[in-house]
Amino acid sequence: MTINIEDLGNMDFSDIATGESIPSVRPGVFLRELLDEFGLSQTRLAVAIGVSAMRISHIIKGSRPITAEIALRLGLFFGQSPQYWLNLQTRYDMECATSRLLEKLRHEIAPFPQAA
């Protein structure tokens, strides 16, 4: 399906656009989806990339982040760029920090005059 930019003004997005932001998604959710898609267990992945099954479980549950090392291992195993995995983690971390801290920090930190 192709949508011409000129037609966007006439389209009704009220059924999908609420104005609310979408909650942040942990990188482990993406990993879990890949495992499900390929029919892999956490244990099989862990053995294949040389880490403990507990480490994979913690990443999927969100109690451990994707590190550079894990990103390299996942990238090699799934044939993806390790940067993909780091970007998922960085985006998640930034969205969480922004929602938790931004307003508070705006009151605590004055912008450098030349940067404003």
N, C-alpha and C. Protein backbone atom coordinates (compact mmCIF):
# COMPACT_ATOMS: atom_id res chain seq x y z
N MET A 1 0.84 -1.18 0.00
CA MET A 1 0.00 0.00 0.00
C MET A 1 0.88 1.23 0.00
N THR A 2 0.55 2.16 -0.82
CA THR A 2 1.28 3.41 -0.91
C THR A 2 0.38 4.56 -0.47
N ILE A 3 0.92 5.44 0.35
CA ILE A 3 0.18 6.62 0.79
C ILE A 3 0.93 7.84 0.29
N ASN A 4 0.23 8.66 -0.46
CA ASN A 4 0.83 9.91 -0.93
C ASN A 4 0.80 10.93 0.19
N ILE A 5 1.86 11.70 0.28
CA ILE A 5 1.96 12.70 1.35
C ILE A 5 0.81 13.70 1.29
N GLU A 6 0.32 13.97 0.10
CA GLU A 6 -0.79 14.92 -0.06
C GLU A 6 -2.08 14.39 0.59
N ASP A 7 -2.21 13.07 0.70
CA ASP A 7 -3.42 12.46 1.25
C ASP A 7 -3.43 12.42 2.78
N LEU A 8 -2.29 12.67 3.42
CA LEU A 8 -2.22 12.56 4.88
C LEU A 8 -3.17 13.51 5.59
N GLY A 9 -3.36 14.69 5.06
CA GLY A 9 -4.26 15.67 5.69
C GLY A 9 -5.70 15.21 5.72
N ASN A 10 -6.10 14.33 4.83
CA ASN A 10 -7.48 13.85 4.76
C ASN A 10 -7.71 12.56 5.53
N MET A 11 -6.67 12.00 6.10
CA MET A 11 -6.80 10.71 6.79
C MET A 11 -7.15 10.90 8.26
N ASP A 12 -7.93 9.97 8.77
CA ASP A 12 -8.34 9.98 10.17
C ASP A 12 -7.48 8.99 10.94
N PHE A 13 -6.66 9.50 11.83
CA PHE A 13 -5.81 8.65 12.65
C PHE A 13 -6.31 8.56 14.09
N SER A 14 -7.54 8.96 14.34
CA SER A 14 -8.04 9.02 15.71
C SER A 14 -8.10 7.65 16.37
N ASP A 15 -8.22 6.59 15.59
CA ASP A 15 -8.28 5.27 16.19
C ASP A 15 -6.91 4.74 16.60
N ILE A 16 -5.84 5.38 16.13
CA ILE A 16 -4.51 4.91 16.49
C ILE A 16 -3.66 5.97 17.18
N ALA A 17 -4.04 7.21 17.12
CA ALA A 17 -3.24 8.28 17.69
C ALA A 17 -3.91 8.84 18.93
N THR A 18 -3.33 8.57 20.10
CA THR A 18 -3.90 9.06 21.35
C THR A 18 -3.12 10.25 21.90
N GLY A 19 -1.93 10.47 21.37
CA GLY A 19 -1.08 11.53 21.89
C GLY A 19 -0.22 11.05 23.04
N GLU A 20 -0.47 9.84 23.54
CA GLU A 20 0.34 9.30 24.62
C GLU A 20 1.57 8.62 24.04
N SER A 21 2.67 8.69 24.79
CA SER A 21 3.88 8.05 24.31
C SER A 21 3.81 6.55 24.55
N ILE A 22 4.48 5.83 23.69
CA ILE A 22 4.54 4.38 23.81
C ILE A 22 5.57 4.04 24.89
N PRO A 23 5.25 3.12 25.78
CA PRO A 23 6.22 2.78 26.83
C PRO A 23 7.51 2.22 26.25
N SER A 24 8.60 2.44 26.96
CA SER A 24 9.90 1.92 26.55
C SER A 24 9.86 0.40 26.55
N VAL A 25 10.60 -0.18 25.61
CA VAL A 25 10.65 -1.64 25.50
C VAL A 25 12.07 -2.09 25.82
N ARG A 26 12.18 -2.98 26.80
CA ARG A 26 13.48 -3.53 27.17
C ARG A 26 14.07 -4.34 26.02
N PRO A 27 15.39 -4.30 25.85
CA PRO A 27 16.02 -5.10 24.80
C PRO A 27 15.74 -6.59 24.95
N GLY A 28 15.52 -7.03 26.17
CA GLY A 28 15.22 -8.44 26.40
C GLY A 28 13.94 -8.89 25.72
N VAL A 29 13.01 -7.96 25.52
CA VAL A 29 11.76 -8.29 24.82
C VAL A 29 12.08 -8.66 23.37
N PHE A 30 12.97 -7.90 22.75
CA PHE A 30 13.38 -8.20 21.38
C PHE A 30 14.11 -9.54 21.32
N LEU A 31 14.95 -9.80 22.31
CA LEU A 31 15.67 -11.07 22.35
C LEU A 31 14.70 -12.23 22.51
N ARG A 32 13.74 -12.07 23.40
CA ARG A 32 12.73 -13.12 23.60
C ARG A 32 11.97 -13.40 22.30
N GLU A 33 11.62 -12.36 21.57
CA GLU A 33 10.91 -12.53 20.29
C GLU A 33 11.76 -13.29 19.29
N LEU A 34 13.06 -12.99 19.24
CA LEU A 34 13.94 -13.71 18.33
C LEU A 34 14.02 -15.18 18.71
N LEU A 35 14.16 -15.46 19.99
CA LEU A 35 14.22 -16.85 20.43
C LEU A 35 12.95 -17.59 20.07
N ASP A 36 11.81 -16.95 20.29
CA ASP A 36 10.53 -17.57 19.94
C ASP A 36 10.43 -17.81 18.43
N GLU A 37 10.83 -16.80 17.66
CA GLU A 37 10.74 -16.89 16.20
C GLU A 37 11.57 -18.05 15.65
N PHE A 38 12.76 -18.25 16.23
CA PHE A 38 13.64 -19.31 15.75
C PHE A 38 13.50 -20.62 16.52
N GLY A 39 12.61 -20.65 17.49
CA GLY A 39 12.40 -21.86 18.27
C GLY A 39 13.62 -22.23 19.11
N LEU A 40 14.31 -21.24 19.61
CA LEU A 40 15.49 -21.47 20.43
C LEU A 40 15.17 -21.30 21.91
N SER A 41 15.81 -22.10 22.74
CA SER A 41 15.66 -21.92 24.18
C SER A 41 16.74 -20.95 24.67
N GLN A 42 16.53 -20.41 25.83
CA GLN A 42 17.53 -19.53 26.43
C GLN A 42 18.82 -20.31 26.66
N THR A 43 18.70 -21.56 27.07
CA THR A 43 19.87 -22.39 27.32
C THR A 43 20.65 -22.63 26.04
N ARG A 44 19.97 -22.93 24.95
CA ARG A 44 20.65 -23.17 23.68
C ARG A 44 21.40 -21.92 23.23
N LEU A 45 20.76 -20.76 23.35
CA LEU A 45 21.43 -19.51 22.99
C LEU A 45 22.65 -19.30 23.87
N ALA A 46 22.48 -19.50 25.17
CA ALA A 46 23.59 -19.28 26.11
C ALA A 46 24.79 -20.15 25.75
N VAL A 47 24.55 -21.42 25.48
CA VAL A 47 25.64 -22.33 25.11
C VAL A 47 26.29 -21.87 23.80
N ALA A 48 25.47 -21.49 22.84
CA ALA A 48 25.97 -21.10 21.52
C ALA A 48 26.85 -19.85 21.57
N ILE A 49 26.54 -18.92 22.48
CA ILE A 49 27.32 -17.68 22.52
C ILE A 49 28.30 -17.65 23.70
N GLY A 50 28.34 -18.73 24.47
CA GLY A 50 29.35 -18.85 25.52
C GLY A 50 29.12 -18.06 26.79
N VAL A 51 27.85 -17.94 27.19
CA VAL A 51 27.52 -17.28 28.46
C VAL A 51 26.60 -18.20 29.25
N SER A 52 26.33 -17.84 30.48
CA SER A 52 25.44 -18.66 31.30
C SER A 52 23.97 -18.43 30.91
N ALA A 53 23.18 -19.46 31.09
CA ALA A 53 21.74 -19.35 30.82
C ALA A 53 21.12 -18.31 31.75
N MET A 54 21.65 -18.17 32.95
CA MET A 54 21.15 -17.18 33.91
C MET A 54 21.33 -15.76 33.36
N ARG A 55 22.44 -15.54 32.68
CA ARG A 55 22.69 -14.21 32.11
C ARG A 55 21.66 -13.89 31.05
N ILE A 56 21.36 -14.85 30.19
CA ILE A 56 20.33 -14.65 29.17
C ILE A 56 18.97 -14.41 29.83
N SER A 57 18.67 -15.19 30.83
CA SER A 57 17.40 -15.04 31.55
C SER A 57 17.27 -13.65 32.16
N HIS A 58 18.35 -13.15 32.74
CA HIS A 58 18.32 -11.81 33.35
C HIS A 58 18.14 -10.72 32.30
N ILE A 59 18.76 -10.89 31.14
CA ILE A 59 18.58 -9.91 30.06
C ILE A 59 17.12 -9.91 29.61
N ILE A 60 16.55 -11.07 29.44
CA ILE A 60 15.16 -11.17 28.99
C ILE A 60 14.21 -10.58 30.03
N LYS A 61 14.48 -10.80 31.30
CA LYS A 61 13.63 -10.24 32.37
C LYS A 61 13.85 -8.75 32.59
N GLY A 62 14.96 -8.22 32.06
CA GLY A 62 15.24 -6.80 32.22
C GLY A 62 16.05 -6.45 33.44
N SER A 63 16.57 -7.45 34.14
CA SER A 63 17.37 -7.16 35.33
C SER A 63 18.85 -7.01 35.01
N ARG A 64 19.24 -7.27 33.76
CA ARG A 64 20.61 -7.06 33.29
C ARG A 64 20.56 -6.38 31.94
N PRO A 65 21.48 -5.45 31.71
CA PRO A 65 21.49 -4.75 30.41
C PRO A 65 22.26 -5.53 29.35
N ILE A 66 22.09 -5.09 28.12
CA ILE A 66 22.92 -5.57 27.01
C ILE A 66 24.24 -4.82 27.10
N THR A 67 25.32 -5.53 27.33
CA THR A 67 26.64 -4.91 27.38
C THR A 67 27.28 -5.00 25.99
N ALA A 68 28.41 -4.32 25.83
CA ALA A 68 29.13 -4.40 24.56
C ALA A 68 29.53 -5.84 24.25
N GLU A 69 29.94 -6.57 25.27
CA GLU A 69 30.33 -7.97 25.07
C GLU A 69 29.15 -8.81 24.59
N ILE A 70 28.01 -8.66 25.25
CA ILE A 70 26.82 -9.43 24.85
C ILE A 70 26.38 -9.00 23.46
N ALA A 71 26.47 -7.72 23.17
CA ALA A 71 26.10 -7.23 21.84
C ALA A 71 26.96 -7.90 20.76
N LEU A 72 28.24 -8.02 21.01
CA LEU A 72 29.12 -8.71 20.06
C LEU A 72 28.71 -10.16 19.88
N ARG A 73 28.45 -10.82 20.98
CA ARG A 73 28.07 -12.23 20.92
C ARG A 73 26.73 -12.43 20.19
N LEU A 74 25.74 -11.61 20.53
CA LEU A 74 24.43 -11.73 19.87
C LEU A 74 24.53 -11.37 18.39
N GLY A 75 25.29 -10.33 18.09
CA GLY A 75 25.47 -9.91 16.70
C GLY A 75 26.08 -11.02 15.86
N LEU A 76 27.13 -11.66 16.38
CA LEU A 76 27.76 -12.75 15.65
C LEU A 76 26.80 -13.93 15.47
N PHE A 77 26.09 -14.27 16.52
CA PHE A 77 25.19 -15.42 16.46
C PHE A 77 24.02 -15.20 15.50
N PHE A 78 23.38 -14.04 15.60
CA PHE A 78 22.20 -13.77 14.78
C PHE A 78 22.52 -13.12 13.44
N GLY A 79 23.80 -12.87 13.18
CA GLY A 79 24.18 -12.25 11.91
C GLY A 79 23.73 -10.80 11.81
N GLN A 80 23.78 -10.11 12.94
CA GLN A 80 23.37 -8.71 13.00
C GLN A 80 24.55 -7.85 13.43
N SER A 81 24.39 -6.58 13.29
CA SER A 81 25.39 -5.66 13.80
C SER A 81 25.30 -5.63 15.33
N PRO A 82 26.42 -5.72 16.01
CA PRO A 82 26.38 -5.58 17.47
C PRO A 82 25.80 -4.22 17.89
N GLN A 83 25.97 -3.23 17.03
CA GLN A 83 25.45 -1.90 17.31
C GLN A 83 23.94 -1.91 17.47
N TYR A 84 23.27 -2.80 16.75
CA TYR A 84 21.81 -2.93 16.87
C TYR A 84 21.43 -3.17 18.34
N TRP A 85 22.13 -4.12 18.96
CA TRP A 85 21.81 -4.48 20.35
C TRP A 85 22.17 -3.35 21.31
N LEU A 86 23.31 -2.71 21.08
CA LEU A 86 23.69 -1.58 21.93
C LEU A 86 22.71 -0.42 21.78
N ASN A 87 22.25 -0.19 20.55
CA ASN A 87 21.28 0.89 20.32
C ASN A 87 19.97 0.61 21.04
N LEU A 88 19.51 -0.64 21.05
CA LEU A 88 18.28 -0.98 21.78
C LEU A 88 18.45 -0.64 23.26
N GLN A 89 19.61 -1.01 23.83
CA GLN A 89 19.84 -0.75 25.24
C GLN A 89 19.96 0.74 25.53
N THR A 90 20.70 1.44 24.68
CA THR A 90 20.89 2.88 24.88
C THR A 90 19.57 3.63 24.79
N ARG A 91 18.77 3.27 23.80
CA ARG A 91 17.47 3.94 23.65
C ARG A 91 16.58 3.68 24.87
N TYR A 92 16.55 2.42 25.33
CA TYR A 92 15.76 2.08 26.50
C TYR A 92 16.24 2.88 27.72
N ASP A 93 17.55 2.90 27.93
CA ASP A 93 18.11 3.63 29.08
C ASP A 93 17.76 5.12 29.02
N MET A 94 17.89 5.71 27.83
CA MET A 94 17.61 7.14 27.69
C MET A 94 16.13 7.45 27.91
N GLU A 95 15.25 6.61 27.38
CA GLU A 95 13.82 6.83 27.57
C GLU A 95 13.45 6.72 29.05
N CYS A 96 14.04 5.74 29.73
CA CYS A 96 13.76 5.59 31.17
C CYS A 96 14.30 6.78 31.96
N ALA A 97 15.52 7.19 31.66
CA ALA A 97 16.12 8.32 32.37
C ALA A 97 15.33 9.60 32.10
N THR A 98 14.91 9.80 30.87
CA THR A 98 14.16 11.00 30.52
C THR A 98 12.85 11.05 31.28
N SER A 99 12.12 9.95 31.29
CA SER A 99 10.83 9.97 31.98
C SER A 99 10.98 10.11 33.49
N ARG A 100 12.08 9.62 34.02
CA ARG A 100 12.30 9.65 35.46
C ARG A 100 12.94 10.96 35.94
N LEU A 101 13.83 11.54 35.12
CA LEU A 101 14.66 12.63 35.63
C LEU A 101 14.56 13.98 34.94
N LEU A 102 14.08 14.03 33.72
CA LEU A 102 14.20 15.25 32.93
C LEU A 102 13.62 16.48 33.62
N GLU A 103 12.40 16.42 34.08
CA GLU A 103 11.79 17.60 34.71
C GLU A 103 12.54 18.03 35.96
N LYS A 104 12.97 17.08 36.76
CA LYS A 104 13.74 17.39 37.96
C LYS A 104 15.05 18.09 37.59
N LEU A 105 15.74 17.54 36.58
CA LEU A 105 17.02 18.11 36.18
C LEU A 105 16.88 19.49 35.55
N ARG A 106 15.78 19.73 34.88
CA ARG A 106 15.55 21.07 34.30
C ARG A 106 15.52 22.14 35.38
N HIS A 107 15.06 21.78 36.58
CA HIS A 107 15.00 22.73 37.68
C HIS A 107 16.35 22.85 38.39
N GLU A 108 17.20 21.85 38.25
CA GLU A 108 18.49 21.84 38.94
C GLU A 108 19.63 22.36 38.10
N ILE A 109 19.53 22.27 36.80
CA ILE A 109 20.65 22.60 35.93
C ILE A 109 20.32 23.78 35.02
N ALA A 110 21.14 24.81 35.12
CA ALA A 110 20.97 25.97 34.23
C ALA A 110 21.81 25.74 32.99
N PRO A 111 21.22 25.94 31.81
CA PRO A 111 22.00 25.75 30.58
C PRO A 111 23.16 26.73 30.51
N PHE A 112 24.25 26.30 29.95
CA PHE A 112 25.39 27.17 29.69
C PHE A 112 24.93 28.26 28.75
N PRO A 113 25.19 29.53 29.05
CA PRO A 113 24.64 30.65 28.26
C PRO A 113 24.87 30.54 26.75
N GLN A 114 26.04 30.09 26.32
CA GLN A 114 26.30 30.00 24.89
C GLN A 114 25.55 28.85 24.25
N ALA A 115 25.11 27.87 25.03
CA ALA A 115 24.39 26.73 24.48
C ALA A 115 22.91 26.99 24.38
N ALA A 116 22.40 27.99 25.07
CA ALA A 116 20.97 28.26 25.10
C ALA A 116 20.46 28.97 23.90
